[in-house]
Amino acid sequence: MDGFDETFDWVVVGSGAGSMTSALVMRQAGKSVLVLEKTGYVGGTTAKSGGVIWVPNNPLMRQAGEQDSTEAGIAYLEALAENLPGSTPEKRRAYVVESQKMIDFLLAQGIPLARGADFWPDYYDEVPGGCKTSRTVTARYFNKAELGPEWAARLRPGFVSQPAMLSEGLKLAWVGRSWKIKLLLLRIGLRVIAGKLTGKQWVSAGAALQGRLLKAVLDAGADVRIDSPVRELVIADGRVAGVIAESGGERRRIGARLGVLINAGGFAQNQAMRDRFMPGTRAEWSNTPEGDTGDMHAEMERIGAALGQMDQMVGYQMTRMPGWEQAFVKPPAQSLTGKPGAILVDQSGQRYMNEGGSYELYCQTMFERNRTVPAIPSWAIFDARFAQSYPIAGVRMAKMHQVWKDSGYLKEADTIEGLAAQIGVPAEALQATIARWNGFVDAGHDADFGRGARAYDQWLGDPFLKPNPALARIDQAPFYAVDVVPGDVSTYGGAVTDARARVLRPDGSVIDGLYACGVSSASVMGGVYVGAGASIGPSLAFGYVAARHAAGLDNSL
């Protein structure tokens, strides 16, 4: 191609899971591929995450004898999703159908995948098509030493560096309650010892998914470059024909014969964009990496792309315990208020949601409540029995009790009235709220918000608590409170794309040569987070779809 310093068939901006999947498709088709990553690490937000992929009727479910279907997956999305610019019935159907093919493709490429868990229900499992077992898929833990020292050092760190599946790690929280889980811990410990003796460098969860994909892409002969931010999309003859990338202070024009895929993350670390599109949200509360600054959102908008659903984020509630500013993962509050014996109240002392539901809905509800009643921050309320039974954001209170009290983070009192005074809410209101909650627990039914009725609420609770894992009284002094704010794991809006992952203009016409997936695109889920892996799943699926379409392998969509 004229006017370019170098040319590839397929140029990918960003190095997340969808990027790598698209690169594998293109390399299998015999096409040249360049992956450009702006930061010094490969993997983006996916590497920091649990690496969960949500796919209805996936082949691993079928192998396990699970009863699911494409039709049920489509029905589930149709029951929940709004028809928004990035989410149409055609695109939702394409996701459910093509995501299954994508899993088959990755397995055929030698990527070891497994069910994320046998029991990880959809977040709205009660609606038509919802799944009460698990539609989740994850990668098997990975020895990053297989990448070689150079690339192993460039794989973005994850939050689990042990030879354990994510599903195994989730069980370890209950190690003191089950001999089976104690044996599981022993098995993991033996793997750790064996790994150290043999020089293994284990990673799990999202880092394992990214590590395995990176190895496959490198083995397939794709060119992956770090510290190479894309500054511009190049338009020639009415189509996106390449990019201008910067490396080592030098700008290079790079051609793309078949197209450019944007999978460069969202804009969660760009406070100016947050103020423009989702005022009131905070970059400092985000779990995304430093490179999540929306550069390509702005660039796609510059060349005429329609942006959609830019007011949405994948909320993930957090609590601001001491040290949260420097934490690799912001202290999560889902595992706090989702456990039995804890509730969330606003600054008037009122409970206002089902604390056990989707984290995206949880944070969305906080923002909605805050418009009429101060609710940011809100307060997680629990008692002595809870503090002895469950960790606070993964930390046992016995270890940090005095530090937390001295810092002012943990509020503690021998009475509800005393606790109300510490958090600045009316004592009568907080007393009434807790009394009402205790009444619901005694009756076995949350008459206000239905907590504990769905399988997902119970999954978040205590599996050893009967009859309802999500419900327990708050009645044993001392009483405690910690703050909860609406953090996030990503923004959820971006370029509007069609069922082929092609980027569209505001009039619905296609920008030829330009594709987008992941959170660089407006979510196919239509304003709802339907289950664990509802952002990584579409990234992989539409990266797969985009590459197949651009390579002319499947134009049936």
Protein backbone atom coordinates (compact mmCIF):
# COMPACT_ATOMS: atom_id res chain seq x y z
CA MET A 1 0.00 0.00 0.00
CA ASP A 2 1.36 3.38 -0.99
CA GLY A 3 2.39 5.90 1.63
CA PHE A 4 2.91 3.44 4.48
CA ASP A 5 6.12 2.52 6.26
CA GLU A 6 4.91 -1.07 6.55
CA THR A 7 1.71 -2.96 5.84
CA PHE A 8 -0.13 -5.91 7.38
CA ASP A 9 -3.39 -7.60 6.50
CA TRP A 10 -4.90 -7.03 9.95
CA VAL A 11 -3.96 -4.36 12.47
CA VAL A 12 -5.31 -4.64 16.00
CA VAL A 13 -5.26 -1.77 18.50
CA GLY A 14 -5.09 -3.11 22.05
CA SER A 15 -4.00 -6.50 23.36
CA GLY A 16 -7.01 -7.86 25.24
CA ALA A 17 -8.68 -11.21 24.77
CA GLY A 18 -10.75 -10.15 21.74
CA SER A 19 -7.61 -8.83 20.05
CA MET A 20 -5.77 -12.11 20.46
CA THR A 21 -8.72 -14.17 19.31
CA SER A 22 -9.01 -12.09 16.14
CA ALA A 23 -5.26 -12.48 15.55
CA LEU A 24 -5.54 -16.26 15.81
CA VAL A 25 -8.37 -16.30 13.27
CA MET A 26 -6.33 -14.24 10.83
CA ARG A 27 -3.17 -16.28 11.27
CA GLN A 28 -5.09 -19.49 10.70
CA ALA A 29 -6.31 -17.91 7.46
CA GLY A 30 -2.71 -17.18 6.46
CA LYS A 31 -2.96 -13.42 6.95
CA SER A 32 -0.32 -11.16 8.48
CA VAL A 33 -1.21 -9.59 11.82
CA LEU A 34 0.09 -6.72 13.91
CA VAL A 35 -1.12 -6.15 17.49
CA LEU A 36 -0.29 -2.70 18.91
CA GLU A 37 -0.43 -2.17 22.69
CA LYS A 38 0.04 1.34 24.10
CA THR A 39 1.31 0.28 27.53
CA GLY A 40 4.29 -1.84 28.51
CA TYR A 41 2.10 -4.85 29.33
CA VAL A 42 -0.06 -7.18 27.27
CA GLY A 43 -3.55 -8.02 28.48
CA GLY A 44 -5.39 -4.89 29.54
CA THR A 45 -8.25 -5.08 32.03
CA THR A 46 -8.89 -8.72 31.15
CA ALA A 47 -5.54 -9.76 32.64
CA LYS A 48 -6.45 -8.07 35.93
CA SER A 49 -9.90 -9.66 36.01
CA GLY A 50 -11.26 -13.09 36.75
CA GLY A 51 -11.04 -13.86 33.04
CA VAL A 52 -14.58 -15.22 32.97
CA ILE A 53 -16.37 -15.70 29.64
CA TRP A 54 -20.20 -15.87 29.57
CA VAL A 55 -21.45 -18.13 26.76
CA PRO A 56 -24.89 -19.79 26.73
CA ASN A 57 -25.01 -23.42 25.58
CA ASN A 58 -21.24 -23.55 25.35
CA PRO A 59 -19.53 -26.84 24.43
CA LEU A 60 -18.18 -27.33 27.96
CA MET A 61 -21.73 -27.23 29.31
CA ARG A 62 -22.79 -29.80 26.76
CA GLN A 63 -19.85 -32.04 27.67
CA ALA A 64 -20.99 -31.91 31.28
CA GLY A 65 -24.49 -32.93 30.31
CA GLU A 66 -26.01 -29.54 31.07
CA GLN A 67 -29.38 -28.74 29.56
CA ASP A 68 -29.05 -25.36 27.86
CA SER A 69 -29.82 -24.09 24.38
CA THR A 70 -29.13 -21.26 21.99
CA GLU A 71 -32.81 -20.36 22.16
CA ALA A 72 -32.67 -20.10 25.97
CA GLY A 73 -29.65 -17.80 25.78
CA ILE A 74 -31.39 -15.56 23.25
CA ALA A 75 -34.60 -15.55 25.31
CA TYR A 76 -32.61 -14.52 28.39
CA LEU A 77 -31.01 -11.56 26.62
CA GLU A 78 -34.31 -10.53 25.08
CA ALA A 79 -35.96 -10.58 28.51
CA LEU A 80 -33.36 -8.19 29.92
CA ALA A 81 -31.67 -6.05 27.29
CA GLU A 82 -32.93 -2.70 26.13
CA ASN A 83 -32.81 -1.93 22.42
CA LEU A 84 -29.94 0.55 22.50
CA PRO A 85 -27.57 1.68 19.71
CA GLY A 86 -25.08 -1.11 20.44
CA SER A 87 -27.68 -3.73 21.29
CA THR A 88 -30.18 -4.86 18.69
CA PRO A 89 -32.02 -8.20 18.44
CA GLU A 90 -29.83 -9.11 15.45
CA LYS A 91 -26.64 -8.37 17.34
CA ARG A 92 -27.76 -10.18 20.50
CA ARG A 93 -28.61 -13.28 18.46
CA ALA A 94 -25.24 -13.04 16.72
CA TYR A 95 -23.53 -12.97 20.10
CA VAL A 96 -25.21 -16.09 21.43
CA VAL A 97 -24.63 -18.03 18.20
CA GLU A 98 -21.10 -16.88 17.41
CA SER A 99 -19.80 -17.09 20.98
CA GLN A 100 -20.34 -20.84 20.92
CA LYS A 101 -18.35 -21.11 17.69
CA MET A 102 -15.65 -18.93 19.24
CA ILE A 103 -15.22 -21.35 22.16
CA ASP A 104 -15.00 -24.26 19.70
CA PHE A 105 -12.36 -22.32 17.76
CA LEU A 106 -10.21 -21.60 20.81
CA LEU A 107 -10.38 -25.21 21.94
CA ALA A 108 -9.33 -26.29 18.43
CA GLN A 109 -6.36 -23.90 18.69
CA GLY A 110 -5.19 -25.74 21.79
CA ILE A 111 -6.34 -23.14 24.34
CA PRO A 112 -7.26 -25.18 27.45
CA LEU A 113 -10.61 -23.94 28.72
CA ALA A 114 -12.84 -25.22 31.49
CA ARG A 115 -16.16 -24.36 33.06
CA GLY A 116 -15.76 -21.40 35.36
CA ALA A 117 -17.72 -23.31 38.00
CA ASP A 118 -20.52 -25.84 38.12
CA PHE A 119 -22.59 -23.32 40.08
CA TRP A 120 -22.25 -19.67 39.09
CA PRO A 121 -25.78 -18.61 38.18
CA ASP A 122 -26.74 -15.88 35.76
CA TYR A 123 -27.29 -12.60 37.58
CA TYR A 124 -31.00 -12.62 36.70
CA ASP A 125 -31.52 -16.38 36.75
CA GLU A 126 -35.21 -15.96 37.54
CA VAL A 127 -36.15 -14.46 34.15
CA PRO A 128 -37.05 -16.58 31.07
CA GLY A 129 -33.96 -18.32 29.71
CA GLY A 130 -31.90 -17.69 32.85
CA CYS A 131 -29.44 -20.33 33.97
CA LYS A 132 -29.29 -21.46 37.60
CA THR A 133 -26.11 -23.53 37.16
CA SER A 134 -23.31 -21.90 35.17
CA ARG A 135 -22.69 -20.59 31.66
CA THR A 136 -19.19 -19.44 32.60
CA VAL A 137 -15.91 -20.48 30.93
CA THR A 138 -12.36 -19.74 32.08
CA ALA A 139 -8.84 -20.63 30.99
CA ARG A 140 -6.85 -23.21 32.90
CA TYR A 141 -4.04 -21.82 35.03
CA PHE A 142 -0.90 -21.11 33.04
CA ASN A 143 2.86 -21.31 33.48
CA LYS A 144 3.92 -17.95 32.10
CA ALA A 145 7.52 -19.16 31.87
CA GLU A 146 6.34 -20.82 28.66
CA LEU A 147 6.34 -17.34 27.12
CA GLY A 148 10.08 -16.95 27.65
CA PRO A 149 11.59 -14.34 29.96
CA GLU A 150 10.92 -11.33 27.72
CA TRP A 151 7.21 -11.91 27.19
CA ALA A 152 6.62 -13.38 30.65
CA ALA A 153 7.76 -10.04 32.06
CA ARG A 154 5.37 -8.23 29.71
CA LEU A 155 2.22 -10.16 30.61
CA ARG A 156 0.10 -7.82 32.73
CA PRO A 157 -0.04 -9.17 36.29
CA GLY A 158 -3.29 -10.63 37.52
CA PHE A 159 -4.66 -10.97 41.01
CA VAL A 160 -4.03 -14.75 41.30
CA SER A 161 -0.51 -16.16 40.99
CA GLN A 162 -1.22 -19.72 42.04
CA PRO A 163 -1.87 -23.01 40.19
CA ALA A 164 -5.58 -22.95 40.93
CA MET A 165 -8.66 -22.62 38.79
CA LEU A 166 -10.86 -19.63 39.57
CA SER A 167 -13.62 -22.04 40.59
CA GLU A 168 -11.22 -23.64 43.09
CA GLY A 169 -10.18 -20.28 44.46
CA LEU A 170 -13.79 -19.31 45.08
CA LYS A 171 -14.19 -22.36 47.32
CA LEU A 172 -11.15 -21.59 49.47
CA ALA A 173 -13.03 -18.89 51.37
CA TRP A 174 -14.85 -21.76 53.09
CA VAL A 175 -11.77 -23.86 53.92
CA GLY A 176 -12.60 -23.85 57.62
CA ARG A 177 -16.06 -25.25 57.00
CA SER A 178 -15.44 -28.33 54.83
CA TRP A 179 -13.00 -31.24 54.75
CA LYS A 180 -13.39 -31.43 50.99
CA ILE A 181 -12.19 -27.84 50.69
CA LYS A 182 -9.32 -28.54 53.09
CA LEU A 183 -8.26 -31.38 50.76
CA LEU A 184 -8.57 -28.99 47.81
CA LEU A 185 -6.24 -26.55 49.59
CA LEU A 186 -3.80 -29.39 50.14
CA ARG A 187 -3.86 -30.29 46.45
CA ILE A 188 -3.23 -26.68 45.47
CA GLY A 189 -0.39 -26.51 47.98
CA LEU A 190 1.21 -29.59 46.42
CA ARG A 191 0.93 -27.96 42.99
CA VAL A 192 2.66 -24.86 44.37
CA ILE A 193 5.52 -26.94 45.77
CA ALA A 194 5.87 -28.91 42.55
CA GLY A 195 5.85 -25.68 40.57
CA LYS A 196 8.63 -24.16 42.64
CA LEU A 197 10.74 -27.30 42.26
CA THR A 198 10.30 -27.26 38.48
CA GLY A 199 10.60 -23.52 37.87
CA LYS A 200 6.95 -22.86 37.06
CA GLN A 201 5.60 -19.30 37.15
CA TRP A 202 1.91 -19.86 37.64
CA VAL A 203 -0.83 -17.36 36.90
CA SER A 204 -4.56 -17.93 36.96
CA ALA A 205 -7.87 -16.19 36.16
CA GLY A 206 -7.60 -13.36 33.63
CA ALA A 207 -3.81 -13.45 33.46
CA ALA A 208 -4.01 -17.14 32.53
CA LEU A 209 -6.47 -16.41 29.73
CA GLN A 210 -4.29 -13.61 28.39
CA GLY A 211 -1.10 -15.61 28.82
CA ARG A 212 -2.44 -18.59 26.93
CA LEU A 213 -3.78 -16.39 24.13
CA LEU A 214 -0.52 -14.45 23.92
CA LYS A 215 1.49 -17.67 23.61
CA ALA A 216 -0.82 -18.98 20.90
CA VAL A 217 -0.61 -15.71 18.96
CA LEU A 218 3.17 -15.55 19.19
CA ASP A 219 3.47 -19.21 18.19
CA ALA A 220 1.19 -18.48 15.22
CA GLY A 221 3.58 -15.79 13.98
CA ALA A 222 1.70 -12.60 14.74
CA ASP A 223 3.70 -9.44 15.43
CA VAL A 224 2.91 -8.04 18.91
CA ARG A 225 4.37 -4.67 19.91
CA ILE A 226 4.18 -3.01 23.31
CA ASP A 227 4.75 0.67 24.14
CA SER A 228 3.20 1.45 20.76
CA PRO A 229 0.21 3.77 21.14
CA VAL A 230 -1.94 4.43 18.09
CA ARG A 231 -2.34 8.15 17.53
CA GLU A 232 -4.53 8.26 14.41
CA LEU A 233 -6.66 6.16 12.12
CA VAL A 234 -5.69 6.68 8.50
CA ILE A 235 -8.46 7.18 5.93
CA ALA A 236 -7.73 6.46 2.27
CA ASP A 237 -10.17 5.98 -0.60
CA GLY A 238 -13.12 6.26 1.77
CA ARG A 239 -12.05 3.50 4.15
CA VAL A 240 -9.87 3.00 7.22
CA ALA A 241 -6.66 1.87 5.58
CA GLY A 242 -4.28 1.85 8.53
CA VAL A 243 -3.00 3.65 11.60
CA ILE A 244 -0.31 6.02 12.72
CA ALA A 245 1.49 4.47 15.70
CA GLU A 246 4.23 5.81 17.87
CA SER A 247 7.16 3.73 19.11
CA GLY A 248 10.38 4.95 20.65
CA GLY A 249 9.41 8.54 19.89
CA GLU A 250 9.01 7.78 16.19
CA ARG A 251 5.72 7.84 14.31
CA ARG A 252 5.08 5.15 11.72
CA ARG A 253 2.29 4.84 9.15
CA ILE A 254 1.11 1.25 9.16
CA GLY A 255 -1.25 -0.04 6.49
CA ALA A 256 -4.04 -2.56 7.03
CA ARG A 257 -5.19 -4.34 3.86
CA LEU A 258 -8.22 -6.07 5.41
CA GLY A 259 -9.03 -3.70 8.24
CA VAL A 260 -8.31 -2.34 11.70
CA LEU A 261 -9.83 -3.76 14.88
CA ILE A 262 -10.15 -1.46 17.89
CA ASN A 263 -10.10 -3.32 21.20
CA ALA A 264 -8.29 -0.72 23.26
CA GLY A 265 -10.38 -0.79 26.43
CA GLY A 266 -12.64 1.92 27.77
CA PHE A 267 -12.19 5.36 29.34
CA ALA A 268 -12.44 4.56 33.04
CA GLN A 269 -9.13 6.28 33.85
CA ASN A 270 -10.05 9.49 32.00
CA GLN A 271 -11.82 11.75 34.49
CA ALA A 272 -12.59 14.39 31.86
CA MET A 273 -14.45 11.81 29.75
CA ARG A 274 -16.21 10.49 32.83
CA ASP A 275 -17.33 14.02 33.68
CA ARG A 276 -18.64 14.43 30.14
CA PHE A 277 -20.48 11.13 29.83
CA MET A 278 -21.12 9.86 33.37
CA PRO A 279 -20.88 12.78 35.79
CA GLY A 280 -20.46 11.88 39.42
CA THR A 281 -18.34 8.81 38.78
CA ARG A 282 -14.71 8.62 39.88
CA ALA A 283 -11.65 7.34 38.02
CA GLU A 284 -9.88 6.73 41.32
CA TRP A 285 -12.49 4.08 42.20
CA SER A 286 -11.86 2.08 39.02
CA ASN A 287 -10.07 -1.27 38.82
CA THR A 288 -8.93 -0.69 35.25
CA PRO A 289 -5.25 -0.34 34.28
CA GLU A 290 -3.51 2.95 33.66
CA GLY A 291 -3.98 2.77 29.89
CA ASP A 292 -7.79 2.81 30.03
CA THR A 293 -8.04 6.43 28.90
CA GLY A 294 -10.42 6.35 25.94
CA ASP A 295 -7.93 7.49 23.28
CA MET A 296 -9.54 5.37 20.59
CA HIS A 297 -13.05 6.39 21.58
CA ALA A 298 -12.04 9.95 20.78
CA GLU A 299 -10.27 8.93 17.58
CA MET A 300 -13.21 6.90 16.29
CA GLU A 301 -15.52 9.80 17.08
CA ARG A 302 -13.16 12.12 15.17
CA ILE A 303 -13.48 10.11 11.96
CA GLY A 304 -17.27 9.99 12.19
CA ALA A 305 -18.12 6.92 14.29
CA ALA A 306 -21.28 6.92 16.37
CA LEU A 307 -20.66 6.46 20.09
CA GLY A 308 -23.36 4.82 22.16
CA GLN A 309 -24.19 3.94 25.76
CA MET A 310 -21.40 6.18 26.98
CA ASP A 311 -23.21 6.78 30.28
CA GLN A 312 -22.81 3.13 31.29
CA MET A 313 -20.14 1.41 33.33
CA VAL A 314 -19.65 -2.05 34.77
CA GLY A 315 -20.06 -0.95 38.35
CA TYR A 316 -18.25 -2.91 41.05
CA GLN A 317 -18.94 -1.68 44.56
CA MET A 318 -15.95 -1.08 46.81
CA THR A 319 -15.19 -0.03 50.36
CA ARG A 320 -12.51 2.54 51.13
CA MET A 321 -10.51 0.71 53.79
CA PRO A 322 -7.05 2.08 54.62
CA GLY A 323 -4.69 1.65 51.68
CA TRP A 324 -7.42 1.40 49.05
CA GLU A 325 -5.79 4.08 46.91
CA GLN A 326 -2.74 1.88 46.25
CA ALA A 327 -4.54 -1.47 46.15
CA PHE A 328 -4.00 -3.58 43.03
CA VAL A 329 -7.69 -4.53 43.26
CA LYS A 330 -9.92 -2.00 45.00
CA PRO A 331 -11.43 -3.61 48.14
CA PRO A 332 -14.63 -5.27 46.89
CA ALA A 333 -17.91 -4.82 48.73
CA GLN A 334 -19.95 -7.38 46.78
CA SER A 335 -18.60 -10.14 49.01
CA LEU A 336 -19.41 -7.95 52.02
CA THR A 337 -23.03 -6.92 51.62
CA GLY A 338 -23.87 -10.09 49.69
CA LYS A 339 -23.19 -12.23 52.75
CA PRO A 340 -26.00 -12.98 55.21
CA GLY A 341 -26.17 -10.61 58.14
CA ALA A 342 -25.12 -7.48 56.27
CA ILE A 343 -27.29 -4.83 54.65
CA LEU A 344 -26.70 -1.52 52.85
CA VAL A 345 -28.31 1.74 53.96
CA ASP A 346 -28.20 5.24 52.53
CA GLN A 347 -27.41 8.39 54.52
CA SER A 348 -30.97 8.54 55.80
CA GLY A 349 -30.61 5.08 57.34
CA GLN A 350 -32.88 3.40 54.79
CA ARG A 351 -32.21 0.16 52.97
CA TYR A 352 -32.90 0.67 49.25
CA MET A 353 -31.87 -2.40 47.21
CA ASN A 354 -31.29 -6.12 47.02
CA GLU A 355 -27.67 -6.27 48.15
CA GLY A 356 -27.20 -9.68 46.54
CA GLY A 357 -27.75 -8.80 42.90
CA SER A 358 -25.57 -7.88 39.96
CA TYR A 359 -22.71 -5.53 40.82
CA GLU A 360 -23.53 -3.42 37.76
CA LEU A 361 -27.13 -3.01 38.95
CA TYR A 362 -25.94 -2.42 42.52
CA CYS A 363 -23.85 0.59 41.52
CA GLN A 364 -26.46 1.85 39.08
CA THR A 365 -29.00 1.76 41.93
CA MET A 366 -26.62 3.71 44.15
CA PHE A 367 -26.42 6.49 41.56
CA GLU A 368 -30.19 6.52 41.07
CA ARG A 369 -30.80 6.67 44.81
CA ASN A 370 -28.25 9.44 45.21
CA ARG A 371 -30.34 11.70 42.97
CA THR A 372 -33.04 11.89 45.64
CA VAL A 373 -31.39 10.74 48.88
CA PRO A 374 -27.66 11.02 49.64
CA ALA A 375 -26.32 7.50 49.00
CA ILE A 376 -22.69 7.96 47.93
CA PRO A 377 -21.21 6.77 50.14
CA SER A 378 -23.69 4.32 51.59
CA TRP A 379 -23.07 2.20 54.68
CA ALA A 380 -22.67 -1.55 55.04
CA ILE A 381 -24.19 -2.50 58.40
CA PHE A 382 -23.34 -5.77 60.19
CA ASP A 383 -22.86 -7.22 63.67
CA ALA A 384 -20.34 -9.14 65.78
CA ARG A 385 -21.47 -12.54 64.49
CA PHE A 386 -20.90 -11.41 60.91
CA ALA A 387 -17.48 -9.96 61.77
CA GLN A 388 -16.42 -13.28 63.27
CA SER A 389 -17.76 -15.33 60.36
CA TYR A 390 -16.85 -13.43 57.18
CA PRO A 391 -14.00 -11.28 55.88
CA ILE A 392 -14.44 -7.62 55.11
CA ALA A 393 -13.34 -7.18 51.48
CA GLY A 394 -11.22 -10.29 51.80
CA VAL A 395 -9.62 -9.29 55.12
CA ARG A 396 -10.46 -10.81 58.50
CA MET A 397 -11.44 -8.12 60.99
CA ALA A 398 -9.52 -9.81 63.80
CA LYS A 399 -6.33 -8.95 61.94
CA MET A 400 -7.05 -5.27 61.29
CA HIS A 401 -9.70 -4.31 63.85
CA GLN A 402 -7.73 -1.73 65.79
CA VAL A 403 -6.04 -0.26 62.71
CA TRP A 404 -9.41 0.19 61.02
CA LYS A 405 -10.94 1.79 64.13
CA ASP A 406 -8.01 4.14 64.65
CA SER A 407 -8.16 5.27 61.02
CA GLY A 408 -11.86 6.08 61.29
CA TYR A 409 -12.75 3.58 58.55
CA LEU A 410 -14.54 1.11 60.84
CA LYS A 411 -17.44 2.48 62.85
CA GLU A 412 -18.29 0.44 65.96
CA ALA A 413 -20.85 0.80 68.74
CA ASP A 414 -22.56 -1.36 71.35
CA THR A 415 -25.99 -0.13 70.28
CA ILE A 416 -27.74 0.70 67.04
CA GLU A 417 -28.28 4.23 68.34
CA GLY A 418 -24.57 4.62 68.95
CA LEU A 419 -23.72 3.33 65.48
CA ALA A 420 -26.25 5.69 63.91
CA ALA A 421 -24.55 8.62 65.63
CA GLN A 422 -21.16 7.57 64.27
CA ILE A 423 -22.34 7.39 60.66
CA GLY A 424 -24.59 10.43 60.88
CA VAL A 425 -27.98 8.83 60.20
CA PRO A 426 -31.20 9.16 62.25
CA ALA A 427 -31.17 6.56 65.02
CA GLU A 428 -34.89 5.83 64.73
CA ALA A 429 -34.58 5.18 61.00
CA LEU A 430 -31.62 2.81 61.37
CA GLN A 431 -33.31 0.94 64.21
CA ALA A 432 -36.46 0.53 62.14
CA THR A 433 -34.49 -0.62 59.10
CA ILE A 434 -32.63 -3.30 61.05
CA ALA A 435 -35.78 -4.42 62.84
CA ARG A 436 -37.56 -4.74 59.50
CA TRP A 437 -34.65 -6.75 58.07
CA ASN A 438 -34.63 -9.08 61.07
CA GLY A 439 -38.34 -9.63 60.62
CA PHE A 440 -37.76 -10.63 57.00
CA VAL A 441 -35.05 -13.05 58.08
CA ASP A 442 -37.39 -14.64 60.64
CA ALA A 443 -40.08 -14.97 57.97
CA GLY A 444 -37.58 -16.37 55.45
CA HIS A 445 -38.48 -13.78 52.81
CA ASP A 446 -37.22 -10.28 52.00
CA ALA A 447 -40.56 -8.62 51.29
CA ASP A 448 -38.94 -5.35 50.19
CA PHE A 449 -36.38 -6.46 47.59
CA GLY A 450 -36.53 -10.25 47.34
CA ARG A 451 -32.97 -10.90 48.44
CA GLY A 452 -32.28 -14.62 48.61
CA ALA A 453 -35.04 -15.60 46.19
CA ARG A 454 -32.79 -16.07 43.17
CA ALA A 455 -30.02 -18.64 42.85
CA TYR A 456 -27.40 -15.93 42.31
CA ASP A 457 -28.21 -14.22 45.62
CA GLN A 458 -27.74 -17.56 47.37
CA TRP A 459 -24.46 -18.16 45.50
CA LEU A 460 -23.16 -14.87 46.93
CA GLY A 461 -24.22 -15.87 50.41
CA ASP A 462 -23.06 -18.63 52.76
CA PRO A 463 -23.52 -22.12 51.28
CA PHE A 464 -23.38 -23.63 54.75
CA LEU A 465 -26.21 -21.48 56.13
CA LYS A 466 -29.69 -22.96 56.03
CA PRO A 467 -32.45 -22.51 55.06
CA ASN A 468 -31.47 -19.42 53.03
CA PRO A 469 -27.76 -18.69 52.43
CA ALA A 470 -28.48 -15.00 51.85
CA LEU A 471 -30.43 -14.14 55.02
CA ALA A 472 -29.27 -13.72 58.63
CA ARG A 473 -30.22 -11.44 61.51
CA ILE A 474 -28.29 -8.38 62.68
CA ASP A 475 -28.67 -8.57 66.44
CA GLN A 476 -25.38 -9.28 68.22
CA ALA A 477 -23.42 -6.33 69.64
CA PRO A 478 -21.13 -4.70 68.88
CA PHE A 479 -22.53 -3.34 65.63
CA TYR A 480 -20.37 -2.12 62.76
CA ALA A 481 -20.47 0.03 59.65
CA VAL A 482 -18.06 0.64 56.77
CA ASP A 483 -18.58 2.83 53.72
CA VAL A 484 -19.47 1.56 50.24
CA VAL A 485 -18.99 3.53 47.01
CA PRO A 486 -19.73 2.71 43.34
CA GLY A 487 -16.43 1.63 41.81
CA ASP A 488 -16.11 -0.13 38.48
CA VAL A 489 -14.22 -2.71 36.47
CA SER A 490 -14.80 -0.92 33.16
CA THR A 491 -16.84 1.56 31.22
CA TYR A 492 -19.51 -0.04 29.02
CA GLY A 493 -20.00 2.33 26.08
CA GLY A 494 -18.13 2.97 22.88
CA ALA A 495 -18.40 2.79 19.11
CA VAL A 496 -21.73 1.52 17.81
CA THR A 497 -21.17 -1.67 15.85
CA ASP A 498 -23.33 -4.08 13.88
CA ALA A 499 -23.59 -7.85 14.10
CA ARG A 500 -20.35 -8.14 12.10
CA ALA A 501 -18.52 -5.87 14.59
CA ARG A 502 -18.23 -3.13 11.91
CA VAL A 503 -18.18 0.41 13.27
CA LEU A 504 -21.17 2.52 12.22
CA ARG A 505 -21.76 6.21 11.61
CA PRO A 506 -24.70 8.02 13.27
CA ASP A 507 -26.80 7.40 10.12
CA GLY A 508 -26.19 3.64 10.40
CA SER A 509 -23.78 3.39 7.47
CA VAL A 510 -20.62 1.31 7.84
CA ILE A 511 -17.16 2.84 8.18
CA ASP A 512 -15.41 0.49 5.80
CA GLY A 513 -12.30 -1.18 7.18
CA LEU A 514 -13.00 -0.38 10.83
CA TYR A 515 -14.14 -2.93 13.43
CA ALA A 516 -14.45 -2.71 17.22
CA CYS A 517 -15.05 -5.09 20.10
CA GLY A 518 -14.78 -5.23 23.88
CA VAL A 519 -15.48 -2.06 25.81
CA SER A 520 -14.22 0.02 22.91
CA SER A 521 -17.68 -0.73 21.51
CA ALA A 522 -21.17 -0.10 22.89
CA SER A 523 -22.19 -3.21 24.81
CA VAL A 524 -24.35 -5.85 23.13
CA MET A 525 -25.88 -6.50 26.56
CA GLY A 526 -28.06 -3.41 26.30
CA GLY A 527 -27.60 -1.68 29.63
CA VAL A 528 -27.56 -4.87 31.71
CA TYR A 529 -24.76 -7.07 33.04
CA VAL A 530 -26.32 -10.47 32.57
CA GLY A 531 -23.75 -12.72 34.23
CA ALA A 532 -20.09 -13.26 35.09
CA GLY A 533 -18.09 -12.69 31.91
CA ALA A 534 -20.64 -10.46 30.17
CA SER A 535 -17.93 -8.07 28.94
CA ILE A 536 -15.06 -10.48 28.23
CA GLY A 537 -17.41 -12.85 26.40
CA PRO A 538 -18.49 -10.26 23.81
CA SER A 539 -14.90 -9.08 23.38
CA LEU A 540 -13.81 -12.57 22.39
CA ALA A 541 -16.90 -13.30 20.30
CA PHE A 542 -16.88 -10.09 18.28
CA GLY A 543 -13.10 -10.19 17.87
CA TYR A 544 -13.68 -13.62 16.34
CA VAL A 545 -16.57 -12.35 14.19
CA ALA A 546 -14.66 -9.26 13.01
CA ALA A 547 -11.65 -11.25 11.85
CA ARG A 548 -13.75 -13.85 10.06
CA HIS A 549 -15.73 -11.15 8.29
CA ALA A 550 -12.66 -9.11 7.31
CA ALA A 551 -10.90 -12.23 6.03
CA GLY A 552 -13.93 -13.26 3.99
CA LEU A 553 -14.32 -16.50 5.96
CA ASP A 554 -17.93 -16.06 7.00
CA ASN A 555 -20.15 -13.39 5.50
CA SER A 556 -23.39 -15.10 6.48
CA LEU A 557 -24.11 -12.83 9.43
